[in-house]
């Protein structure tokens, strides 16, 4: 069963551009991973400090592969200084 997640990030006011750069760098390598069904980063127009990562993976093994990738390690070790808050919703996909 596919796993779909929505991760919301609120950047610190002084770090909006750095957060955007860090999150945007995840898109292409994530899309190239085996089992990636969808991966995009969105920035809210009316709240530029708010970002949403929307990602969908074929199964748990594909998501685990993503979490063990080099680009994920860079993101994971780098985002906290730019981030005011982060929360994740796992979405149920029907079908």
N, C-alpha and C. Protein backbone atom coordinates (compact mmCIF):
# COMPACT_ATOMS: atom_id res chain seq x y z
N UNK A 1 0.85 -1.18 0.00
CA UNK A 1 0.00 0.00 0.00
C UNK A 1 0.89 1.24 0.00
N UNK A 2 0.52 2.23 -0.77
CA UNK A 2 1.27 3.48 -0.85
C UNK A 2 1.23 4.23 0.47
N UNK A 3 2.31 4.93 0.74
CA UNK A 3 2.41 5.76 1.94
C UNK A 3 2.54 7.21 1.47
N UNK A 4 1.63 8.04 1.92
CA UNK A 4 1.63 9.45 1.53
C UNK A 4 1.73 10.30 2.79
N UNK A 5 2.63 11.28 2.73
CA UNK A 5 2.85 12.15 3.89
C UNK A 5 2.82 13.60 3.44
N UNK A 6 2.36 14.42 4.35
CA UNK A 6 2.41 15.87 4.18
C UNK A 6 3.19 16.40 5.38
N UNK A 7 4.32 17.03 5.09
CA UNK A 7 5.17 17.57 6.15
C UNK A 7 5.15 19.09 6.02
N UNK A 8 4.79 19.76 7.09
CA UNK A 8 4.72 21.22 7.09
C UNK A 8 5.89 21.77 7.90
N UNK A 9 6.55 22.74 7.32
CA UNK A 9 7.67 23.42 7.96
C UNK A 9 7.33 24.90 8.09
N UNK A 10 7.64 25.47 9.23
CA UNK A 10 7.55 26.92 9.42
C UNK A 10 8.99 27.40 9.62
N UNK A 11 9.46 28.19 8.66
CA UNK A 11 10.83 28.70 8.73
C UNK A 11 10.92 29.88 9.69
N UNK A 12 12.07 30.04 10.31
CA UNK A 12 12.33 31.24 11.09
C UNK A 12 12.33 32.42 10.12
N UNK A 13 11.85 33.59 10.53
CA UNK A 13 11.73 34.73 9.61
C UNK A 13 13.02 35.07 8.88
N UNK A 14 14.14 34.94 9.55
CA UNK A 14 15.42 35.28 8.93
C UNK A 14 15.99 34.15 8.07
N UNK A 15 15.31 33.01 8.03
CA UNK A 15 15.85 31.83 7.36
C UNK A 15 14.96 31.29 6.25
N UNK A 16 14.02 32.08 5.79
CA UNK A 16 13.07 31.60 4.76
C UNK A 16 13.80 31.14 3.50
N UNK A 17 14.73 31.92 3.00
CA UNK A 17 15.43 31.55 1.77
C UNK A 17 16.31 30.31 1.95
N UNK A 18 16.93 30.17 3.11
CA UNK A 18 17.75 28.98 3.37
C UNK A 18 16.88 27.73 3.48
N UNK A 19 15.72 27.86 4.11
CA UNK A 19 14.80 26.73 4.20
C UNK A 19 14.32 26.34 2.80
N UNK A 20 13.99 27.32 2.00
CA UNK A 20 13.54 27.05 0.63
C UNK A 20 14.63 26.33 -0.15
N UNK A 21 15.85 26.78 -0.04
CA UNK A 21 16.97 26.15 -0.75
C UNK A 21 17.17 24.71 -0.29
N UNK A 22 17.16 24.48 1.01
CA UNK A 22 17.36 23.15 1.56
C UNK A 22 16.25 22.18 1.14
N UNK A 23 15.01 22.61 1.25
CA UNK A 23 13.89 21.74 0.88
C UNK A 23 13.84 21.51 -0.63
N UNK A 24 14.11 22.53 -1.41
CA UNK A 24 14.08 22.40 -2.87
C UNK A 24 15.15 21.42 -3.36
N UNK A 25 16.27 21.36 -2.66
CA UNK A 25 17.34 20.45 -3.04
C UNK A 25 16.94 18.98 -2.88
N UNK A 26 15.87 18.72 -2.18
CA UNK A 26 15.41 17.35 -1.97
C UNK A 26 14.57 16.81 -3.12
N UNK A 27 14.01 17.69 -3.93
CA UNK A 27 13.01 17.27 -4.91
C UNK A 27 13.57 16.32 -5.97
N UNK A 28 14.54 16.74 -6.73
CA UNK A 28 15.02 15.90 -7.84
C UNK A 28 15.62 14.57 -7.39
N UNK A 29 16.51 14.55 -6.38
CA UNK A 29 17.03 13.24 -5.97
C UNK A 29 15.96 12.33 -5.38
N UNK A 30 14.96 12.90 -4.72
CA UNK A 30 13.89 12.07 -4.17
C UNK A 30 13.04 11.48 -5.28
N UNK A 31 12.73 12.29 -6.28
CA UNK A 31 11.94 11.79 -7.42
C UNK A 31 12.65 10.67 -8.16
N UNK A 32 13.99 10.68 -8.13
CA UNK A 32 14.77 9.67 -8.84
C UNK A 32 14.87 8.35 -8.08
N UNK A 33 14.44 8.33 -6.84
CA UNK A 33 14.53 7.12 -6.03
C UNK A 33 13.51 6.07 -6.45
N UNK A 34 13.92 4.81 -6.33
CA UNK A 34 13.01 3.71 -6.61
C UNK A 34 11.86 3.76 -5.61
N UNK A 35 10.65 3.73 -6.10
CA UNK A 35 9.48 3.71 -5.23
C UNK A 35 8.87 5.07 -4.95
N UNK A 36 9.48 6.14 -5.47
CA UNK A 36 8.89 7.47 -5.28
C UNK A 36 7.75 7.65 -6.28
N UNK A 37 6.56 7.88 -5.78
CA UNK A 37 5.40 8.10 -6.65
C UNK A 37 5.15 9.59 -6.87
N UNK A 38 5.48 10.41 -5.88
CA UNK A 38 5.28 11.85 -5.97
C UNK A 38 6.11 12.52 -4.91
N UNK A 39 6.72 13.65 -5.27
CA UNK A 39 7.50 14.41 -4.29
C UNK A 39 7.58 15.86 -4.75
N UNK A 40 6.99 16.75 -4.01
CA UNK A 40 7.03 18.18 -4.35
C UNK A 40 7.10 19.01 -3.07
N UNK A 41 7.66 20.18 -3.20
CA UNK A 41 7.72 21.16 -2.12
C UNK A 41 6.89 22.36 -2.55
N UNK A 42 6.05 22.84 -1.67
CA UNK A 42 5.21 24.01 -1.94
C UNK A 42 5.50 25.08 -0.90
N UNK A 43 5.52 26.33 -1.33
CA UNK A 43 5.67 27.46 -0.42
C UNK A 43 4.39 28.28 -0.50
N UNK A 44 3.81 28.58 0.63
CA UNK A 44 2.55 29.32 0.66
C UNK A 44 2.78 30.76 0.21
N UNK A 45 1.96 31.24 -0.70
CA UNK A 45 2.10 32.62 -1.20
C UNK A 45 1.80 33.64 -0.11
N UNK A 46 0.76 33.40 0.67
CA UNK A 46 0.35 34.37 1.68
C UNK A 46 1.11 34.24 3.00
N UNK A 47 1.91 33.18 3.12
CA UNK A 47 2.75 32.96 4.31
C UNK A 47 4.08 32.37 3.83
N UNK A 48 4.98 33.22 3.35
CA UNK A 48 6.21 32.70 2.73
C UNK A 48 7.10 31.90 3.67
N UNK A 49 6.87 31.98 4.96
CA UNK A 49 7.65 31.19 5.91
C UNK A 49 7.13 29.75 6.03
N UNK A 50 6.00 29.46 5.40
CA UNK A 50 5.36 28.14 5.52
C UNK A 50 5.60 27.32 4.25
N UNK A 51 6.11 26.12 4.44
CA UNK A 51 6.40 25.20 3.34
C UNK A 51 5.68 23.88 3.61
N UNK A 52 5.32 23.20 2.53
CA UNK A 52 4.73 21.88 2.66
C UNK A 52 5.44 20.93 1.70
N UNK A 53 5.93 19.83 2.25
CA UNK A 53 6.45 18.74 1.44
C UNK A 53 5.33 17.72 1.31
N UNK A 54 5.01 17.37 0.08
CA UNK A 54 3.98 16.36 -0.16
C UNK A 54 4.67 15.22 -0.88
N UNK A 55 4.65 14.03 -0.27
CA UNK A 55 5.39 12.91 -0.83
C UNK A 55 4.57 11.63 -0.74
N UNK A 56 4.77 10.79 -1.74
CA UNK A 56 4.09 9.51 -1.77
C UNK A 56 5.08 8.44 -2.22
N UNK A 57 5.06 7.33 -1.50
CA UNK A 57 6.00 6.24 -1.72
C UNK A 57 5.24 4.94 -1.97
N UNK A 58 5.79 4.09 -2.80
CA UNK A 58 5.14 2.83 -3.18
C UNK A 58 4.80 1.98 -1.97
N UNK A 59 5.72 1.93 -1.00
CA UNK A 59 5.52 1.09 0.18
C UNK A 59 6.53 1.50 1.26
N UNK A 60 6.48 0.82 2.38
CA UNK A 60 7.37 1.14 3.51
C UNK A 60 8.84 0.97 3.13
N UNK A 61 9.16 -0.03 2.33
CA UNK A 61 10.55 -0.26 1.92
C UNK A 61 11.08 0.92 1.10
N UNK A 62 10.25 1.48 0.24
CA UNK A 62 10.67 2.64 -0.56
C UNK A 62 10.89 3.85 0.35
N UNK A 63 10.01 4.06 1.32
CA UNK A 63 10.17 5.16 2.27
C UNK A 63 11.43 4.97 3.10
N UNK A 64 11.69 3.74 3.53
CA UNK A 64 12.92 3.46 4.29
C UNK A 64 14.16 3.75 3.45
N UNK A 65 14.11 3.39 2.16
CA UNK A 65 15.23 3.69 1.27
C UNK A 65 15.47 5.19 1.18
N UNK A 66 14.40 5.96 1.11
CA UNK A 66 14.50 7.42 1.08
C UNK A 66 15.16 7.94 2.35
N UNK A 67 14.74 7.42 3.48
CA UNK A 67 15.28 7.87 4.77
C UNK A 67 16.75 7.49 4.96
N UNK A 68 17.23 6.54 4.16
CA UNK A 68 18.63 6.12 4.23
C UNK A 68 19.49 6.73 3.12
N UNK A 69 18.92 7.65 2.35
CA UNK A 69 19.66 8.25 1.23
C UNK A 69 20.60 9.36 1.71
N UNK A 70 21.58 9.66 0.90
CA UNK A 70 22.56 10.71 1.23
C UNK A 70 21.88 12.07 1.29
N UNK A 71 20.97 12.37 0.36
CA UNK A 71 20.33 13.70 0.37
C UNK A 71 19.40 13.86 1.58
N UNK A 72 18.79 12.78 2.03
CA UNK A 72 17.98 12.86 3.25
C UNK A 72 18.86 13.14 4.47
N UNK A 73 20.03 12.52 4.51
CA UNK A 73 20.95 12.74 5.62
C UNK A 73 21.39 14.20 5.68
N UNK A 74 21.63 14.82 4.53
CA UNK A 74 22.01 16.24 4.49
C UNK A 74 20.86 17.08 5.02
N UNK A 75 19.65 16.83 4.52
CA UNK A 75 18.48 17.57 4.99
C UNK A 75 18.31 17.41 6.50
N UNK A 76 18.33 16.17 6.97
CA UNK A 76 18.05 15.87 8.38
C UNK A 76 19.06 16.54 9.31
N UNK A 77 20.31 16.63 8.86
CA UNK A 77 21.34 17.23 9.71
C UNK A 77 21.41 18.75 9.57
N UNK A 78 20.59 19.33 8.66
CA UNK A 78 20.74 20.75 8.36
C UNK A 78 19.51 21.62 8.62
N UNK A 79 18.32 21.06 8.69
CA UNK A 79 17.11 21.89 8.68
C UNK A 79 16.83 22.62 10.00
N UNK A 80 17.21 22.07 11.13
CA UNK A 80 16.79 22.62 12.42
C UNK A 80 17.15 24.09 12.65
N UNK A 81 18.34 24.57 12.25
CA UNK A 81 18.65 25.99 12.50
C UNK A 81 17.73 26.96 11.74
N UNK A 82 17.07 26.48 10.69
CA UNK A 82 16.21 27.34 9.87
C UNK A 82 14.73 27.19 10.22
N UNK A 83 14.41 26.21 11.04
CA UNK A 83 13.01 25.81 11.24
C UNK A 83 12.49 26.21 12.62
N UNK A 84 11.35 26.87 12.60
CA UNK A 84 10.67 27.24 13.84
C UNK A 84 9.82 26.06 14.33
N UNK A 85 9.14 25.38 13.40
CA UNK A 85 8.36 24.20 13.76
C UNK A 85 8.18 23.29 12.55
N UNK A 86 7.87 22.02 12.84
CA UNK A 86 7.69 21.01 11.80
C UNK A 86 6.66 20.01 12.30
N UNK A 87 5.74 19.63 11.43
CA UNK A 87 4.80 18.57 11.80
C UNK A 87 4.44 17.75 10.57
N UNK A 88 4.12 16.48 10.82
CA UNK A 88 3.87 15.53 9.75
C UNK A 88 2.49 14.93 9.90
N UNK A 89 1.81 14.81 8.77
CA UNK A 89 0.54 14.09 8.69
C UNK A 89 0.73 12.92 7.74
N UNK A 90 0.39 11.73 8.19
CA UNK A 90 0.39 10.59 7.27
C UNK A 90 -1.04 10.48 6.75
N UNK A 91 -1.15 10.50 5.44
CA UNK A 91 -2.47 10.52 4.81
C UNK A 91 -2.85 9.13 4.36
N UNK A 92 -4.09 8.79 4.54
CA UNK A 92 -4.58 7.49 4.07
C UNK A 92 -4.94 7.62 2.61
N UNK A 93 -4.40 6.71 1.82
CA UNK A 93 -4.68 6.69 0.39
C UNK A 93 -5.62 5.53 0.11
N UNK A 94 -6.74 5.82 -0.48
CA UNK A 94 -7.72 4.79 -0.78
C UNK A 94 -7.49 4.27 -2.19
N UNK A 95 -7.76 3.00 -2.37
CA UNK A 95 -7.67 2.45 -3.72
C UNK A 95 -6.71 1.35 -3.86
